[in-house]
């Protein structure tokens, strides 16, 4: 998804809910394009590459930092 489309289509409340288990001080309108929803779903990605790699584990973020101008 493009950054512009992400900003238009992602809801801030949904973004906040998706980040509940991750410490962050930058869950704001300006970072909607950095939300989980702006990226390819991880399960889809893992199934797409599963034939050529062995997936051992999946990292989960615990802290998120964005420099806001």
N, C-alpha and C. Protein backbone atom coordinates (compact mmCIF):
# COMPACT_ATOMS: atom_id res chain seq x y z
N UNK A 1 0.86 -1.17 0.00
CA UNK A 1 0.00 0.00 0.00
C UNK A 1 0.90 1.24 0.00
N UNK A 2 0.55 2.22 -0.77
CA UNK A 2 1.34 3.45 -0.79
C UNK A 2 1.14 4.23 0.51
N UNK A 3 2.08 5.10 0.80
CA UNK A 3 1.98 5.91 2.03
C UNK A 3 0.75 6.81 1.99
N UNK A 4 0.47 7.38 0.83
CA UNK A 4 -0.70 8.26 0.70
C UNK A 4 -1.99 7.47 0.90
N UNK A 5 -2.07 6.28 0.31
CA UNK A 5 -3.27 5.45 0.47
C UNK A 5 -3.42 5.02 1.92
N UNK A 6 -2.32 4.69 2.57
CA UNK A 6 -2.36 4.29 3.98
C UNK A 6 -2.94 5.42 4.83
N UNK A 7 -2.48 6.63 4.60
CA UNK A 7 -2.98 7.76 5.40
C UNK A 7 -4.46 8.00 5.16
N UNK A 8 -4.94 7.71 3.95
CA UNK A 8 -6.37 7.90 3.65
C UNK A 8 -7.24 6.78 4.19
N UNK A 9 -6.72 5.56 4.22
CA UNK A 9 -7.59 4.42 4.49
C UNK A 9 -7.44 3.79 5.88
N UNK A 10 -6.39 4.12 6.62
CA UNK A 10 -6.18 3.50 7.92
C UNK A 10 -6.77 4.38 9.02
N UNK A 11 -7.52 3.77 9.89
CA UNK A 11 -8.18 4.45 10.99
C UNK A 11 -7.22 4.54 12.18
N UNK A 12 -7.10 5.71 12.78
CA UNK A 12 -6.19 5.91 13.91
C UNK A 12 -6.54 5.01 15.09
N UNK A 13 -7.82 4.82 15.36
CA UNK A 13 -8.22 3.96 16.48
C UNK A 13 -7.82 2.51 16.25
N UNK A 14 -7.95 2.03 15.01
CA UNK A 14 -7.51 0.67 14.69
C UNK A 14 -5.99 0.55 14.85
N UNK A 15 -5.28 1.57 14.43
CA UNK A 15 -3.83 1.61 14.57
C UNK A 15 -3.46 1.53 16.06
N UNK A 16 -4.13 2.32 16.89
CA UNK A 16 -3.86 2.30 18.33
C UNK A 16 -4.11 0.91 18.92
N UNK A 17 -5.21 0.28 18.54
CA UNK A 17 -5.53 -1.06 19.04
C UNK A 17 -4.47 -2.08 18.63
N UNK A 18 -3.98 -1.95 17.40
CA UNK A 18 -2.97 -2.91 16.91
C UNK A 18 -1.63 -2.75 17.63
N UNK A 19 -1.43 -1.61 18.28
CA UNK A 19 -0.17 -1.32 18.96
C UNK A 19 -0.27 -1.45 20.48
N UNK A 20 -1.35 -2.00 20.99
CA UNK A 20 -1.56 -2.07 22.44
C UNK A 20 -0.45 -2.79 23.19
N UNK A 21 0.14 -3.81 22.62
CA UNK A 21 1.19 -4.56 23.33
C UNK A 21 2.60 -4.03 23.02
N UNK A 22 2.68 -2.92 22.31
CA UNK A 22 3.97 -2.35 21.92
C UNK A 22 4.10 -0.96 22.51
N UNK A 23 5.17 -0.71 23.25
CA UNK A 23 5.37 0.62 23.81
C UNK A 23 5.73 1.59 22.69
N UNK A 24 5.00 2.69 22.60
CA UNK A 24 5.27 3.69 21.58
C UNK A 24 4.71 5.03 22.02
N UNK A 25 5.42 6.08 21.64
CA UNK A 25 4.93 7.44 21.89
C UNK A 25 4.58 8.12 20.58
N UNK A 26 4.51 7.36 19.50
CA UNK A 26 4.30 7.97 18.19
C UNK A 26 3.14 7.35 17.40
N UNK A 27 2.09 7.00 18.09
CA UNK A 27 0.90 6.47 17.40
C UNK A 27 -0.03 7.65 17.17
N UNK A 28 0.23 8.32 16.06
CA UNK A 28 -0.49 9.55 15.73
C UNK A 28 -0.81 9.57 14.24
N UNK A 29 -1.61 10.53 13.82
CA UNK A 29 -2.01 10.65 12.41
C UNK A 29 -0.80 10.65 11.47
N UNK A 30 0.27 11.32 11.87
CA UNK A 30 1.45 11.44 11.00
C UNK A 30 2.17 10.12 10.76
N UNK A 31 1.89 9.10 11.58
CA UNK A 31 2.58 7.82 11.41
C UNK A 31 1.64 6.70 10.93
N UNK A 32 0.46 7.05 10.47
CA UNK A 32 -0.46 6.03 9.95
C UNK A 32 0.17 5.21 8.83
N UNK A 33 0.99 5.85 8.02
CA UNK A 33 1.63 5.14 6.91
C UNK A 33 2.69 4.15 7.38
N UNK A 34 3.01 4.16 8.67
CA UNK A 34 3.96 3.22 9.24
C UNK A 34 3.26 2.09 10.01
N UNK A 35 1.94 2.10 10.00
CA UNK A 35 1.20 1.11 10.78
C UNK A 35 1.29 -0.28 10.17
N UNK A 36 0.97 -1.25 10.98
CA UNK A 36 0.93 -2.65 10.55
C UNK A 36 0.08 -2.83 9.30
N UNK A 37 -1.00 -2.07 9.20
CA UNK A 37 -1.95 -2.21 8.09
C UNK A 37 -1.39 -1.73 6.76
N UNK A 38 -0.31 -0.96 6.79
CA UNK A 38 0.28 -0.43 5.56
C UNK A 38 1.22 -1.44 4.89
N UNK A 39 1.47 -2.54 5.57
CA UNK A 39 2.42 -3.54 5.07
C UNK A 39 1.71 -4.84 4.73
N UNK A 40 2.38 -5.67 3.96
CA UNK A 40 1.84 -6.96 3.59
C UNK A 40 1.66 -7.82 4.85
N UNK A 41 0.55 -8.50 4.94
CA UNK A 41 0.24 -9.37 6.08
C UNK A 41 1.34 -10.41 6.23
N UNK A 42 1.89 -10.56 7.42
CA UNK A 42 3.05 -11.43 7.63
C UNK A 42 2.78 -12.90 7.28
N UNK A 43 1.57 -13.39 7.55
CA UNK A 43 1.27 -14.78 7.21
C UNK A 43 1.29 -14.99 5.69
N UNK A 44 0.82 -14.01 4.95
CA UNK A 44 0.86 -14.08 3.49
C UNK A 44 2.30 -14.10 3.01
N UNK A 45 3.10 -13.22 3.56
CA UNK A 45 4.51 -13.16 3.19
C UNK A 45 5.21 -14.48 3.49
N UNK A 46 4.97 -15.02 4.67
CA UNK A 46 5.62 -16.28 5.04
C UNK A 46 5.19 -17.42 4.12
N UNK A 47 3.93 -17.46 3.74
CA UNK A 47 3.50 -18.53 2.83
C UNK A 47 4.07 -18.31 1.43
N UNK A 48 4.25 -17.06 1.03
CA UNK A 48 4.83 -16.77 -0.29
C UNK A 48 6.29 -17.20 -0.39
N UNK A 49 7.03 -17.09 0.69
CA UNK A 49 8.46 -17.43 0.65
C UNK A 49 8.78 -18.79 1.24
N UNK A 50 7.76 -19.48 1.73
CA UNK A 50 7.96 -20.76 2.41
C UNK A 50 8.65 -21.84 1.60
N UNK A 51 8.55 -21.79 0.28
CA UNK A 51 9.19 -22.80 -0.56
C UNK A 51 10.69 -22.60 -0.69
N UNK A 52 11.17 -21.40 -0.41
CA UNK A 52 12.60 -21.14 -0.62
C UNK A 52 13.38 -20.87 0.67
N UNK A 53 12.68 -20.72 1.78
CA UNK A 53 13.36 -20.49 3.06
C UNK A 53 12.70 -21.32 4.15
N UNK A 54 13.43 -21.54 5.22
CA UNK A 54 12.87 -22.18 6.39
C UNK A 54 12.64 -21.09 7.44
N UNK A 55 11.40 -20.88 7.81
CA UNK A 55 11.08 -19.85 8.79
C UNK A 55 11.18 -20.49 10.17
N UNK A 56 12.10 -19.98 10.96
CA UNK A 56 12.35 -20.55 12.28
C UNK A 56 11.54 -19.88 13.37
N UNK A 57 11.30 -18.60 13.22
CA UNK A 57 10.58 -17.85 14.24
C UNK A 57 10.12 -16.53 13.65
N UNK A 58 9.27 -15.84 14.37
CA UNK A 58 8.80 -14.53 13.95
C UNK A 58 9.03 -13.55 15.10
N UNK A 59 9.69 -12.46 14.82
CA UNK A 59 9.96 -11.45 15.84
C UNK A 59 8.71 -10.61 16.08
N UNK A 60 8.49 -10.26 17.32
CA UNK A 60 7.38 -9.38 17.68
C UNK A 60 7.98 -8.12 18.32
N UNK A 61 7.61 -6.96 17.84
CA UNK A 61 8.15 -5.73 18.42
C UNK A 61 7.62 -5.49 19.83
N UNK A 62 8.45 -4.89 20.66
CA UNK A 62 8.02 -4.51 22.01
C UNK A 62 8.15 -3.00 22.21
N UNK A 63 8.92 -2.35 21.33
CA UNK A 63 9.15 -0.91 21.43
C UNK A 63 9.15 -0.32 20.03
N UNK A 64 8.53 0.84 19.88
CA UNK A 64 8.47 1.51 18.59
C UNK A 64 8.87 2.96 18.80
N UNK A 65 9.82 3.43 18.01
CA UNK A 65 10.25 4.82 18.10
C UNK A 65 10.25 5.45 16.73
N UNK A 66 9.63 6.58 16.60
CA UNK A 66 9.64 7.36 15.36
C UNK A 66 10.00 8.79 15.72
N UNK A 67 10.92 9.35 14.98
CA UNK A 67 11.25 10.76 15.17
C UNK A 67 10.20 11.58 14.43
N UNK A 68 9.49 12.41 15.15
CA UNK A 68 8.45 13.25 14.57
C UNK A 68 8.98 14.67 14.48
N UNK A 69 8.95 15.21 13.28
CA UNK A 69 9.45 16.59 13.08
C UNK A 69 8.44 17.60 13.56
